[in-house]
C-alpha atoms as a PDB file:
ATOM      1  CA  ARG A   1      94.632  55.803  53.588  1.00  0.00           C
ATOM      2  CA  ASN A   2      94.531  59.561  53.566  1.00  0.00           C
ATOM      3  CA  LEU A   3      92.928  59.584  57.026  1.00  0.00           C
ATOM      4  CA  LEU A   4      95.407  57.030  58.313  1.00  0.00           C
ATOM      5  CA  PHE A   5      98.307  59.198  57.145  1.00  0.00           C
ATOM      6  CA  GLN A   6      96.793  62.265  58.772  1.00  0.00           C
ATOM      7  CA  THR A   7      96.138  60.402  62.028  1.00  0.00           C
ATOM      8  CA  LEU A   8      99.642  59.034  62.246  1.00  0.00           C
ATOM      9  CA  MET A   9     101.415  62.201  61.088  1.00  0.00           C
ATOM     10  CA  ASP A  10      99.537  64.567  63.402  1.00  0.00           C
ATOM     11  CA  SER A  11     100.209  62.249  66.320  1.00  0.00           C
ATOM     12  CA  ALA A  12     103.913  62.170  65.465  1.00  0.00           C
ATOM     13  CA  GLN A  13     103.928  65.935  64.915  1.00  0.00           C
ATOM     14  CA  SER A  14     102.374  66.468  68.342  1.00  0.00           C
ATOM     15  CA  ARG A  15     105.033  64.386  70.034  1.00  0.00           C
ATOM     16  CA  GLY A  16     107.873  65.886  68.021  1.00  0.00           C
ATOM     17  CA  LEU A  17     106.901  69.474  68.727  1.00  0.00           C
ATOM     18  CA  ASP A  18     106.541  68.758  72.426  1.00  0.00           C
ATOM     19  CA  SER A  19     109.496  66.478  73.076  1.00  0.00           C
ATOM     20  CA  VAL A  20     112.002  67.712  70.478  1.00  0.00           C
ATOM     21  CA  LEU A  21     111.470  71.363  69.603  1.00  0.00           C
ATOM     22  CA  CYS A  22     110.556  72.369  73.147  1.00  0.00           C
ATOM     23  CA  ASN A  23     113.839  70.866  74.334  1.00  0.00           C
ATOM     24  CA  LEU A  24     115.827  72.743  71.689  1.00  0.00           C
ATOM     25  CA  THR A  25     114.466  76.212  72.379  1.00  0.00           C
ATOM     26  CA  THR A  26     115.681  78.573  75.055  1.00  0.00           C
ATOM     27  CA  SER A  27     112.763  80.943  74.531  1.00  0.00           C
ATOM     28  CA  PRO A  28     109.760  80.434  76.812  1.00  0.00           C
ATOM     29  CA  GLU A  29     107.566  82.123  74.202  1.00  0.00           C
ATOM     30  CA  TRP A  30     108.559  79.681  71.468  1.00  0.00           C
ATOM     31  CA  GLU A  31     108.251  76.772  73.878  1.00  0.00           C
ATOM     32  CA  ALA A  32     104.669  77.882  74.574  1.00  0.00           C
ATOM     33  CA  VAL A  33     103.982  78.120  70.834  1.00  0.00           C
ATOM     34  CA  PHE A  34     105.358  74.628  70.180  1.00  0.00           C
ATOM     35  CA  ARG A  35     103.428  73.115  73.092  1.00  0.00           C
ATOM     36  CA  THR A  36     100.210  74.808  71.984  1.00  0.00           C
ATOM     37  CA  GLN A  37     100.639  73.661  68.411  1.00  0.00           C
ATOM     38  CA  GLY A  38     101.452  70.151  69.627  1.00  0.00           C
ATOM     39  CA  TYR A  39      98.225  70.153  71.617  1.00  0.00           C
ATOM     40  CA  PHE A  40      96.251  71.066  68.503  1.00  0.00           C
ATOM     41  CA  GLU A  41      98.033  68.412  66.445  1.00  0.00           C
ATOM     42  CA  GLN A  42      96.923  65.848  69.018  1.00  0.00           C
ATOM     43  CA  ILE A  43      93.337  67.102  68.707  1.00  0.00           C
ATOM     44  CA  HIS A  44      93.627  66.740  64.929  1.00  0.00           C
ATOM     45  CA  SER A  45      94.867  63.168  65.275  1.00  0.00           C
ATOM     46  CA  LEU A  46      91.994  62.343  67.611  1.00  0.00           C
ATOM     47  CA  SER A  47      89.559  63.952  65.158  1.00  0.00           C
ATOM     48  CA  TYR A  48      90.786  61.775  62.293  1.00  0.00           C
ATOM     49  CA  SER A  49      90.553  58.717  64.536  1.00  0.00           C
ATOM     50  CA  HIS A  50      86.990  59.701  65.418  1.00  0.00           C
ATOM     51  CA  ILE A  51      86.105  59.990  61.727  1.00  0.00           C
ATOM     52  CA  ILE A  52      87.531  56.543  61.010  1.00  0.00           C
ATOM     53  CA  ARG A  53      85.678  55.027  63.989  1.00  0.00           C
ATOM     54  CA  GLU A  54      82.418  56.530  62.727  1.00  0.00           C
ATOM     55  CA  MET A  55      82.936  55.457  59.096  1.00  0.00           C
ATOM     56  CA  TYR A  56      83.909  51.825  59.634  1.00  0.00           C
ATOM     57  CA  PRO A  57      82.087  49.193  61.682  1.00  0.00           C
ATOM     58  CA  ASP A  58      85.422  47.747  62.825  1.00  0.00           C
ATOM     59  CA  ALA A  59      87.841  50.661  63.041  1.00  0.00           C
ATOM     60  CA  THR A  60      90.439  48.510  64.782  1.00  0.00           C
ATOM     61  CA  GLU A  61      90.785  46.496  61.595  1.00  0.00           C
ATOM     62  CA  VAL A  62      91.404  49.717  59.647  1.00  0.00           C
ATOM     63  CA  PHE A  63      93.962  51.032  62.146  1.00  0.00           C
ATOM     64  CA  ASN A  64      95.756  47.674  62.200  1.00  0.00           C
ATOM     65  CA  LYS A  65      96.342  47.954  58.436  1.00  0.00           C
ATOM     66  CA  ILE A  66      98.385  51.132  58.722  1.00  0.00           C
ATOM     67  CA  ASP A  67     101.641  49.164  58.583  1.00  0.00           C
ATOM     68  CA  ASP A  68     100.491  47.491  55.362  1.00  0.00           C
ATOM     69  CA  TYR A  69     100.745  50.728  53.376  1.00  0.00           C
ATOM     70  CA  ASP A  70     104.318  51.480  52.396  1.00  0.00           C
ATOM     71  CA  GLU A  71     103.387  54.904  51.027  1.00  0.00           C
ATOM     72  CA  ILE A  72     102.129  55.971  54.459  1.00  0.00           C
ATOM     73  CA  GLN A  73     105.181  54.622  56.248  1.00  0.00           C
ATOM     74  CA  ASN A  74     107.555  56.256  53.748  1.00  0.00           C
ATOM     75  CA  ARG A  75     105.887  59.646  54.135  1.00  0.00           C
ATOM     76  CA  VAL A  76     105.891  59.465  57.921  1.00  0.00           C
ATOM     77  CA  ASP A  77     109.409  58.003  58.168  1.00  0.00           C
ATOM     78  CA  GLY A  78     110.853  60.968  56.282  1.00  0.00           C
ATOM     79  CA  GLU A  79     109.340  63.400  58.757  1.00  0.00           C
ATOM     80  CA  LEU A  80     110.395  61.361  61.772  1.00  0.00           C
ATOM     81  CA  ALA A  81     113.966  61.139  60.458  1.00  0.00           C
ATOM     82  CA  ALA A  82     114.224  64.939  60.575  1.00  0.00           C
ATOM     83  CA  TYR A  83     113.173  64.934  64.234  1.00  0.00           C
ATOM     84  CA  GLU A  84     115.524  62.073  65.035  1.00  0.00           C
ATOM     85  CA  SER A  85     118.456  63.867  63.391  1.00  0.00           C
ATOM     86  CA  VAL A  86     118.423  66.464  66.177  1.00  0.00           C
ATOM     87  CA  ILE A  87     118.120  63.959  69.030  1.00  0.00           C
ATOM     88  CA  SER A  88     120.408  61.242  67.672  1.00  0.00           C
ATOM     89  CA  ASP A  89     123.524  60.072  69.472  1.00  0.00           C
ATOM     90  CA  ASP A  90     125.826  61.877  67.031  1.00  0.00           C
ATOM     91  CA  TYR A  91     124.086  65.265  67.435  1.00  0.00           C
ATOM     92  CA  GLU A  92     126.190  66.369  70.426  1.00  0.00           C
ATOM     93  CA  GLY A  93     129.405  65.695  68.529  1.00  0.00           C
ATOM     94  CA  LEU A  94     128.468  68.033  65.694  1.00  0.00           C
ATOM     95  CA  SER A  95     129.744  71.553  65.197  1.00  0.00           C
ATOM     96  CA  ASP A  96     127.354  74.404  65.957  1.00  0.00           C
ATOM     97  CA  ASP A  97     126.880  75.016  62.221  1.00  0.00           C
ATOM     98  CA  GLN A  98     126.030  71.351  61.639  1.00  0.00           C
ATOM     99  CA  LYS A  99     123.530  71.453  64.510  1.00  0.00           C
ATOM    100  CA  ARG A 100     121.969  74.609  63.077  1.00  0.00           C
ATOM    101  CA  MET A 101     121.632  72.947  59.675  1.00  0.00           C
ATOM    102  CA  ARG A 102     119.832  69.938  61.149  1.00  0.00           C
ATOM    103  CA  ILE A 103     117.480  72.172  63.108  1.00  0.00           C
ATOM    104  CA  LEU A 104     116.864  74.323  60.035  1.00  0.00           C
ATOM    105  CA  GLU A 105     116.114  71.228  57.936  1.00  0.00           C
ATOM    106  CA  LEU A 106     113.651  70.080  60.594  1.00  0.00           C
ATOM    107  CA  LEU A 107     111.913  73.469  60.625  1.00  0.00           C
ATOM    108  CA  VAL A 108     111.700  73.580  56.823  1.00  0.00           C
ATOM    109  CA  ARG A 109     110.268  70.048  56.761  1.00  0.00           C
ATOM    110  CA  ILE A 110     107.666  71.016  59.374  1.00  0.00           C
ATOM    111  CA  PHE A 111     106.781  74.107  57.329  1.00  0.00           C
ATOM    112  CA  ALA A 112     106.369  71.938  54.201  1.00  0.00           C
ATOM    113  CA  LEU A 113     104.351  69.347  56.126  1.00  0.00           C
ATOM    114  CA  GLU A 114     102.020  71.982  57.528  1.00  0.00           C
ATOM    115  CA  GLY A 115     101.819  74.049  54.343  1.00  0.00           C
ATOM    116  CA  VAL A 116     101.882  71.479  51.554  1.00  0.00           C
ATOM    117  CA  LYS A 117     101.425  67.868  52.639  1.00  0.00           C
ATOM    118  CA  PHE A 118      98.499  68.459  54.976  1.00  0.00           C
ATOM    119  CA  TYR A 119      96.861  70.780  52.448  1.00  0.00           C
ATOM    120  CA  VAL A 120      97.077  68.089  49.779  1.00  0.00           C
ATOM    121  CA  SER A 121      95.366  65.694  52.199  1.00  0.00           C
ATOM    122  CA  PHE A 122      92.622  68.251  52.818  1.00  0.00           C
ATOM    123  CA  LEU A 123      92.208  68.788  49.086  1.00  0.00           C
ATOM    124  CA  ILE A 124      91.596  65.066  48.635  1.00  0.00           C
ATOM    125  CA  THR A 125      88.761  65.248  51.172  1.00  0.00           C
ATOM    126  CA  TYR A 126      87.245  68.288  49.478  1.00  0.00           C
ATOM    127  CA  ILE A 127      87.425  66.613  46.061  1.00  0.00           C
ATOM    128  CA  ILE A 128      85.791  63.419  47.358  1.00  0.00           C
ATOM    129  CA  ASN A 129      83.021  65.436  48.993  1.00  0.00           C
ATOM    130  CA  HIS A 130      82.433  67.440  45.813  1.00  0.00           C
ATOM    131  CA  SER A 131      82.522  64.353  43.594  1.00  0.00           C
ATOM    132  CA  TYR A 132      79.879  62.588  45.664  1.00  0.00           C
ATOM    133  CA  ASN A 133      77.483  65.542  45.919  1.00  0.00           C
ATOM    134  CA  SER A 134      78.438  66.512  49.490  1.00  0.00           C
ATOM    135  CA  LYS A 135      77.835  63.029  50.925  1.00  0.00           C
ATOM    136  CA  ILE A 136      80.526  63.536  53.562  1.00  0.00           C
ATOM    137  CA  GLN A 137      79.583  67.025  54.732  1.00  0.00           C
ATOM    138  CA  GLY A 138      80.201  66.381  58.434  1.00  0.00           C
ATOM    139  CA  PHE A 139      83.610  64.904  57.737  1.00  0.00           C
ATOM    140  CA  THR A 140      84.420  67.848  55.469  1.00  0.00           C
ATOM    141  CA  ARG A 141      83.400  70.353  58.179  1.00  0.00           C
ATOM    142  CA  ILE A 142      85.842  68.739  60.609  1.00  0.00           C
ATOM    143  CA  ILE A 143      88.594  68.925  57.986  1.00  0.00           C
ATOM    144  CA  LYS A 144      87.817  72.615  57.380  1.00  0.00           C
ATOM    145  CA  LEU A 145      88.258  73.340  61.091  1.00  0.00           C
ATOM    146  CA  ILE A 146      91.572  71.507  61.097  1.00  0.00           C
ATOM    147  CA  ASN A 147      92.511  73.374  57.916  1.00  0.00           C
ATOM    148  CA  PHE A 148      92.046  76.687  59.774  1.00  0.00           C
ATOM    149  CA  ASP A 149      94.458  75.490  62.475  1.00  0.00           C
ATOM    150  CA  GLU A 150      96.986  74.468  59.840  1.00  0.00           C
ATOM    151  CA  ASP A 151      96.784  77.970  58.356  1.00  0.00           C
ATOM    152  CA  LEU A 152      97.979  79.268  61.717  1.00  0.00           C
ATOM    153  CA  HIS A 153     100.711  76.613  61.949  1.00  0.00           C
ATOM    154  CA  VAL A 154     101.993  77.594  58.503  1.00  0.00           C
ATOM    155  CA  SER A 155     102.122  81.227  59.626  1.00  0.00           C
ATOM    156  CA  VAL A 156     103.989  80.288  62.798  1.00  0.00           C
ATOM    157  CA  PHE A 157     106.673  78.290  61.026  1.00  0.00           C
ATOM    158  CA  GLY A 158     106.879  80.717  58.110  1.00  0.00           C
ATOM    159  CA  GLY A 159     107.383  83.526  60.620  1.00  0.00           C
ATOM    160  CA  LEU A 160     109.984  81.535  62.532  1.00  0.00           C
ATOM    161  CA  LEU A 161     111.915  80.786  59.345  1.00  0.00           C
ATOM    162  CA  ASN A 162     111.809  84.487  58.424  1.00  0.00           C
ATOM    163  CA  ILE A 163     113.153  85.430  61.872  1.00  0.00           C
ATOM    164  CA  LEU A 164     115.966  82.899  61.551  1.00  0.00           C
ATOM    165  CA  ARG A 165     116.802  84.122  58.061  1.00  0.00           C
ATOM    166  CA  LYS A 166     117.227  87.684  59.341  1.00  0.00           C
ATOM    167  CA  ASP A 167     118.913  86.932  62.682  1.00  0.00           C
ATOM    168  CA  ASP A 168     121.854  84.565  63.060  1.00  0.00           C
END
């Protein structure tokens, strides 16, 4: 379930960064950052899918069960709702302050996703590997590489939030 969440969330994160945040920014530098991070999120999603395909004889059966887990859907739905709040039909009718608040909420949620939720998922992998005497070393190495990327993503969004805090 942990891998299914990571697969689905990184895929959604990739699409959201590319199709939502890139459309909101007027800075070519930030657009490049969001597109680059989205590219890496897609690689992460593909990596998790690869792990699942290698671990299970019928990975399709595993992927088809993703809708059966309410806890996964609830976690992902909350993140998607933040993206949808800035592309919804009522967004254009909002005041500038209301728009800013929705964008800020989205950025804070992304920061928490990258800095807390994904790290908890990684921790689960590390604990499983440790508990079973390093039986999933290859899987854990892939997660460590993704973890390094997430460190950068946390820095990016932490830096962006700091810039926004200082500059109206």
